[in-house]
Amino acid sequence: MSASEKAKAKTEQTVGKVEKEVGHAAGNERIAAEGESKEAKGDLRDAKEKGKDALKH
C-alpha cells in the first residue's frame, strides 16, 4: 500500500468518524451524514489499497 494513499485513507476515516460523532451530538444530521460519507470513502480507499497489495504478492 502506498504510504500517501494509506495516510489519505486513515485521515478520511478519522475525520469522518469525528464529524459523524459531532453531528450526532449536536443533533445536526447533515454533518453526521457527511461524516459517515467521509468515513466510508476512507474505508473504500483502504480496501482498494489492500486489494492492490494482495495482487502484488
C-alpha atoms as a PDB file:
ATOM      1  CA  MET A   1       0.000   0.000   0.000  1.00  0.00           C
ATOM      2  CA  SER A   2       1.468   3.334  -0.931  1.00  0.00           C
ATOM      3  CA  ALA A   3       2.178   5.417   2.119  1.00  0.00           C
ATOM      4  CA  SER A   4       0.364   8.502   0.813  1.00  0.00           C
ATOM      5  CA  GLU A   5      -2.781   6.555  -0.064  1.00  0.00           C
ATOM      6  CA  LYS A   6      -2.724   4.813   3.314  1.00  0.00           C
ATOM      7  CA  ALA A   7      -2.427   8.176   5.032  1.00  0.00           C
ATOM      8  CA  LYS A   8      -5.321   9.578   2.984  1.00  0.00           C
ATOM      9  CA  ALA A   9      -7.476   6.595   3.905  1.00  0.00           C
ATOM     10  CA  LYS A  10      -6.735   6.903   7.617  1.00  0.00           C
ATOM     11  CA  THR A  11      -7.289  10.675   7.529  1.00  0.00           C
ATOM     12  CA  GLU A  12     -10.650  10.296   5.787  1.00  0.00           C
ATOM     13  CA  GLN A  13     -11.707   7.604   8.236  1.00  0.00           C
ATOM     14  CA  THR A  14     -10.714   9.678  11.266  1.00  0.00           C
ATOM     15  CA  VAL A  15     -12.194  12.965  10.034  1.00  0.00           C
ATOM     16  CA  GLY A  16     -15.381  11.162   9.043  1.00  0.00           C
ATOM     17  CA  LYS A  17     -15.714   9.465  12.403  1.00  0.00           C
ATOM     18  CA  VAL A  18     -15.212  12.769  14.258  1.00  0.00           C
ATOM     19  CA  GLU A  19     -17.687  14.642  12.028  1.00  0.00           C
ATOM     20  CA  LYS A  20     -20.246  11.874  12.458  1.00  0.00           C
ATOM     21  CA  GLU A  21     -19.978  11.962  16.250  1.00  0.00           C
ATOM     22  CA  VAL A  22     -20.058  15.776  16.395  1.00  0.00           C
ATOM     23  CA  GLY A  23     -23.092  15.821  14.128  1.00  0.00           C
ATOM     24  CA  HIS A  24     -24.937  13.313  16.279  1.00  0.00           C
ATOM     25  CA  ALA A  25     -24.000  15.126  19.486  1.00  0.00           C
ATOM     26  CA  ALA A  26     -25.137  18.471  18.085  1.00  0.00           C
ATOM     27  CA  GLY A  27     -28.298  16.994  16.599  1.00  0.00           C
ATOM     28  CA  ASN A  28     -27.187  18.030  13.109  1.00  0.00           C
ATOM     29  CA  GLU A  29     -27.982  15.142  10.791  1.00  0.00           C
ATOM     30  CA  ARG A  30     -26.388  16.824   7.742  1.00  0.00           C
ATOM     31  CA  ILE A  31     -22.976  16.952   9.423  1.00  0.00           C
ATOM     32  CA  ALA A  32     -23.428  13.404  10.707  1.00  0.00           C
ATOM     33  CA  ALA A  33     -24.259  12.197   7.192  1.00  0.00           C
ATOM     34  CA  GLU A  34     -21.242  13.982   5.726  1.00  0.00           C
ATOM     35  CA  GLY A  35     -19.069  12.333   8.364  1.00  0.00           C
ATOM     36  CA  GLU A  36     -20.457   8.897   7.554  1.00  0.00           C
ATOM     37  CA  SER A  37     -19.773   9.540   3.878  1.00  0.00           C
ATOM     38  CA  LYS A  38     -16.148  10.547   4.506  1.00  0.00           C
ATOM     39  CA  GLU A  39     -15.620   7.565   6.767  1.00  0.00           C
ATOM     40  CA  ALA A  40     -16.998   5.212   4.105  1.00  0.00           C
ATOM     41  CA  LYS A  41     -14.801   6.830   1.458  1.00  0.00           C
ATOM     42  CA  GLY A  42     -11.765   6.197   3.660  1.00  0.00           C
ATOM     43  CA  ASP A  43     -12.837   2.590   4.194  1.00  0.00           C
ATOM     44  CA  LEU A  44     -13.147   2.077   0.433  1.00  0.00           C
ATOM     45  CA  ARG A  45      -9.773   3.672  -0.260  1.00  0.00           C
ATOM     46  CA  ASP A  46      -8.202   1.399   2.383  1.00  0.00           C
ATOM     47  CA  ALA A  47      -9.843  -1.690   0.877  1.00  0.00           C
ATOM     48  CA  LYS A  48      -8.689  -0.694  -2.621  1.00  0.00           C
ATOM     49  CA  GLU A  49      -5.097  -0.340  -1.480  1.00  0.00           C
ATOM     50  CA  LYS A  50      -5.187  -3.655   0.399  1.00  0.00           C
ATOM     51  CA  GLY A  51      -6.549  -5.329  -2.745  1.00  0.00           C
ATOM     52  CA  LYS A  52      -3.750  -3.845  -4.833  1.00  0.00           C
ATOM     53  CA  ASP A  53      -1.203  -5.108  -2.296  1.00  0.00           C
ATOM     54  CA  ALA A  54      -2.724  -8.595  -2.347  1.00  0.00           C
ATOM     55  CA  LEU A  55      -2.368  -8.776  -6.128  1.00  0.00           C
ATOM     56  CA  LYS A  56       1.288  -7.742  -5.958  1.00  0.00           C
ATOM     57  CA  HIS A  57       2.258 -10.603  -3.656  1.00  0.00           C
END
